[in-house]
Amino acid sequence: MRTRRGKAPASPEAIARLRAEARAAAADPATWGVDAKSLRLAAQGDVAARLGPRGEVTRAHRLDVFDRLHARGALSDIAVGAVRRLQEDIGQLHRTGLGVRDFAPRVDMQAQPGAFAERRLRAGARVQAALDLAGPVSARLLRSLCETPAISGQNLDWRVVVEIETGERLPDAQGAALRAATENLAGAYRLIDRARGRAEA
């Protein structure tokens, strides 16, 4: 009769290595994830979370003014898409070269040494082109609302920003000014895409 042999016991060195790896993972904020209980607090009311089958948070992001106005029907899908496109380029423009991926091994396989700087320059040119076409008032407002969070991670009181940039103090007028700025940006991207389509034809 055959007996099943169990796994050989782990060596003390292997056990110590596994414990050290577990301690390192527990100390790394990138592995912590989001606590589902904390998201139920009133202070986290502006965080949208997607839960997995066991109730764990699989994705979470803090809603900004554009999300909130879009949810109320005050901003169109096209306008919000234009803002996200601008935010992506602004994020690329202000991204540093010290991300986690930059520590990956590279043995004579790096593309161009200046590729990172080139990506930032192209992103800056796209931001400038879109904002130039959106108009000066819209450009100032959108840059203030999108650039500060990208640089510092701070959420701004959008009404204060609108008042500073446009002089509008009435709540309805502030919402209208922001809506106009996003629609101007969407129009700017339509012009850019149309010009690019003609250039590629």
Protein backbone atom coordinates (compact mmCIF):
# COMPACT_ATOMS: atom_id res chain seq x y z
CA MET A 1 0.00 0.00 0.00
CA ARG A 2 1.44 3.35 -1.09
CA THR A 3 1.59 6.18 1.37
CA ARG A 4 1.61 9.80 0.32
CA ARG A 5 4.73 11.60 1.24
CA GLY A 6 4.25 15.06 2.61
CA LYS A 7 6.33 18.03 1.67
CA ALA A 8 9.71 18.26 3.26
CA PRO A 9 9.76 20.73 6.15
CA ALA A 10 11.01 24.17 5.23
CA SER A 11 14.50 25.08 6.26
CA PRO A 12 14.97 27.79 8.91
CA GLU A 13 16.51 30.02 6.24
CA ALA A 14 13.45 29.66 4.00
CA ILE A 15 11.10 30.40 6.90
CA ALA A 16 13.13 33.49 7.85
CA ARG A 17 13.12 34.68 4.23
CA LEU A 18 9.32 34.28 3.95
CA ARG A 19 8.80 36.16 7.21
CA ALA A 20 11.10 38.98 6.06
CA GLU A 21 9.19 39.22 2.76
CA ALA A 22 5.86 39.36 4.63
CA ARG A 23 7.19 42.13 6.91
CA ALA A 24 8.47 44.10 3.91
CA ALA A 25 5.11 43.76 2.13
CA ALA A 26 3.25 44.86 5.27
CA ALA A 27 5.47 47.95 5.52
CA ASP A 28 4.98 48.94 1.86
CA PRO A 29 2.00 51.36 1.47
CA ALA A 30 1.53 50.17 -2.13
CA THR A 31 0.35 46.78 -0.80
CA TRP A 32 -2.10 48.11 1.79
CA GLY A 33 -5.05 48.69 -0.49
CA VAL A 34 -8.20 50.44 0.70
CA ASP A 35 -10.04 49.52 3.88
CA ALA A 36 -13.69 48.86 3.00
CA LYS A 37 -14.82 49.87 6.50
CA SER A 38 -13.18 53.29 6.27
CA LEU A 39 -15.01 53.97 3.00
CA ARG A 40 -18.32 53.79 4.87
CA LEU A 41 -17.38 56.80 6.99
CA ALA A 42 -19.19 60.07 6.26
CA ALA A 43 -15.86 61.78 5.51
CA GLN A 44 -15.35 59.40 2.57
CA GLY A 45 -18.66 60.25 0.90
CA ASP A 46 -16.89 61.48 -2.22
CA VAL A 47 -15.05 58.19 -2.82
CA ALA A 48 -16.49 55.77 -5.38
CA ALA A 49 -15.47 52.16 -4.76
CA ARG A 50 -15.97 48.89 -6.59
CA LEU A 51 -16.11 45.81 -4.37
CA GLY A 52 -15.00 42.29 -5.21
CA PRO A 53 -16.90 39.06 -4.47
CA ARG A 54 -15.58 38.86 -0.88
CA GLY A 55 -16.33 42.50 -0.12
CA GLU A 56 -12.75 43.67 -0.70
CA VAL A 57 -12.18 46.97 -2.49
CA THR A 58 -10.92 46.28 -6.00
CA ARG A 59 -10.95 49.88 -7.23
CA ALA A 60 -11.52 53.23 -5.56
CA HIS A 61 -11.20 56.83 -6.63
CA ARG A 62 -12.15 60.15 -5.15
CA LEU A 63 -14.84 61.95 -7.11
CA ASP A 64 -13.91 65.40 -8.32
CA VAL A 65 -16.16 68.30 -9.29
CA PHE A 66 -16.43 67.00 -12.84
CA ASP A 67 -17.70 63.60 -11.62
CA ARG A 68 -20.26 65.24 -9.35
CA LEU A 69 -21.58 67.64 -11.99
CA HIS A 70 -21.70 64.86 -14.56
CA ALA A 71 -23.70 62.66 -12.16
CA ARG A 72 -26.23 65.49 -11.80
CA GLY A 73 -26.49 65.86 -15.57
CA ALA A 74 -24.80 69.27 -15.57
CA LEU A 75 -21.85 68.10 -17.74
CA SER A 76 -22.09 66.05 -20.91
CA ASP A 77 -20.14 62.83 -21.50
CA ILE A 78 -18.13 64.61 -24.20
CA ALA A 79 -17.20 67.46 -21.85
CA VAL A 80 -16.09 65.08 -19.09
CA GLY A 81 -14.13 63.03 -21.64
CA ALA A 82 -12.34 66.20 -22.73
CA VAL A 83 -11.46 67.04 -19.11
CA ARG A 84 -10.11 63.51 -18.53
CA ARG A 85 -8.00 63.83 -21.67
CA LEU A 86 -6.58 67.12 -20.39
CA GLN A 87 -5.96 65.64 -16.92
CA GLU A 88 -4.11 62.70 -18.47
CA ASP A 89 -1.78 65.04 -20.36
CA ILE A 90 -1.29 67.27 -17.32
CA GLY A 91 -0.44 64.18 -15.27
CA GLN A 92 2.07 63.11 -17.93
CA LEU A 93 3.56 66.59 -17.97
CA HIS A 94 4.13 66.65 -14.20
CA ARG A 95 5.07 63.01 -13.72
CA THR A 96 8.56 62.46 -12.35
CA GLY A 97 11.03 59.86 -13.51
CA LEU A 98 11.11 58.18 -10.11
CA GLY A 99 8.21 55.77 -10.51
CA VAL A 100 8.36 52.11 -9.49
CA ARG A 101 8.78 50.97 -13.08
CA ASP A 102 11.99 52.97 -13.41
CA PHE A 103 13.73 50.55 -11.03
CA ALA A 104 13.08 47.58 -13.32
CA PRO A 105 16.28 46.03 -14.67
CA ARG A 106 17.42 47.41 -18.00
CA VAL A 107 20.31 45.73 -19.71
CA ASP A 108 21.01 47.62 -22.91
CA MET A 109 17.28 47.66 -23.63
CA GLN A 110 16.29 51.23 -22.81
CA ALA A 111 14.65 52.91 -25.77
CA GLN A 112 16.11 56.41 -25.98
CA PRO A 113 17.72 58.05 -22.98
CA GLY A 114 15.56 61.14 -23.50
CA ALA A 115 12.28 59.29 -24.07
CA PHE A 116 10.83 60.34 -20.72
CA ALA A 117 11.62 64.02 -21.30
CA GLU A 118 10.25 63.76 -24.84
CA ARG A 119 6.94 62.34 -23.57
CA ARG A 120 6.66 65.23 -21.12
CA LEU A 121 7.39 67.78 -23.84
CA ARG A 122 4.74 66.28 -26.12
CA ALA A 123 2.20 66.25 -23.26
CA GLY A 124 2.98 69.90 -22.50
CA ALA A 125 2.47 70.82 -26.16
CA ARG A 126 -0.90 69.00 -26.22
CA VAL A 127 -2.03 70.77 -23.02
CA GLN A 128 -1.02 74.16 -24.41
CA ALA A 129 -2.68 73.57 -27.79
CA ALA A 130 -5.98 72.50 -26.21
CA LEU A 131 -6.06 75.35 -23.70
CA ASP A 132 -5.12 77.94 -26.34
CA LEU A 133 -8.10 76.86 -28.42
CA ALA A 134 -10.44 76.74 -25.40
CA GLY A 135 -9.93 80.47 -24.75
CA PRO A 136 -8.13 82.36 -21.99
CA VAL A 137 -10.84 82.31 -19.30
CA SER A 138 -11.60 78.61 -19.81
CA ALA A 139 -7.88 77.84 -19.92
CA ARG A 140 -7.16 79.58 -16.59
CA LEU A 141 -10.11 77.90 -14.90
CA LEU A 142 -9.36 74.40 -16.18
CA ARG A 143 -5.64 74.69 -15.52
CA SER A 144 -6.31 75.76 -11.92
CA LEU A 145 -8.78 72.93 -11.32
CA CYS A 146 -6.72 70.20 -13.02
CA GLU A 147 -3.09 71.14 -12.43
CA THR A 148 -3.00 71.68 -8.66
CA PRO A 149 -4.39 68.20 -7.83
CA ALA A 150 -1.94 66.65 -10.32
CA ILE A 151 1.03 68.42 -8.73
CA SER A 152 0.17 68.38 -5.02
CA GLY A 153 -2.63 65.83 -4.71
CA GLN A 154 -4.82 68.42 -2.98
CA ASN A 155 -8.51 68.64 -3.71
CA LEU A 156 -9.60 72.21 -4.23
CA ASP A 157 -12.87 73.91 -3.42
CA TRP A 158 -13.99 74.36 -7.00
CA ARG A 159 -16.31 77.25 -6.17
CA VAL A 160 -13.42 79.24 -4.71
CA VAL A 161 -11.35 78.53 -7.84
CA VAL A 162 -14.19 79.64 -10.12
CA GLU A 163 -14.64 82.83 -8.11
CA ILE A 164 -10.93 83.63 -8.27
CA GLU A 165 -10.59 82.90 -11.98
CA THR A 166 -13.88 84.33 -13.27
CA GLY A 167 -15.17 86.67 -10.55
CA GLU A 168 -18.47 84.73 -10.38
CA ARG A 169 -19.93 84.51 -6.87
CA LEU A 170 -23.42 83.15 -7.52
CA PRO A 171 -23.57 79.34 -7.25
CA ASP A 172 -25.60 78.88 -10.45
CA ALA A 173 -23.28 81.19 -12.37
CA GLN A 174 -20.25 79.28 -11.05
CA GLY A 175 -21.66 76.00 -12.34
CA ALA A 176 -22.44 77.63 -15.69
CA ALA A 177 -18.89 79.01 -15.95
CA LEU A 178 -17.41 75.58 -15.32
CA ARG A 179 -19.81 73.95 -17.78
CA ALA A 180 -18.86 76.53 -20.44
CA ALA A 181 -15.16 75.91 -19.83
CA THR A 182 -15.53 72.14 -20.29
CA GLU A 183 -17.62 72.58 -23.45
CA ASN A 184 -14.99 74.98 -24.82
CA LEU A 185 -12.34 72.36 -24.09
CA ALA A 186 -14.39 69.69 -25.85
CA GLY A 187 -14.65 72.00 -28.86
CA ALA A 188 -10.90 72.56 -28.78
CA TYR A 189 -10.25 68.82 -28.88
CA ARG A 190 -12.68 68.44 -31.79
CA LEU A 191 -10.66 71.02 -33.74
CA ILE A 192 -7.38 69.31 -32.83
CA ASP A 193 -8.68 65.89 -33.85
CA ARG A 194 -10.11 67.25 -37.10
CA ALA A 195 -6.80 68.92 -37.98
CA ARG A 196 -4.91 65.72 -37.15
CA GLY A 197 -7.29 63.72 -39.35
CA ARG A 198 -6.67 66.08 -42.27
CA ALA A 199 -2.90 65.89 -41.74
CA GLU A 200 -2.97 62.08 -41.74
CA ALA A 201 -5.22 61.88 -44.83
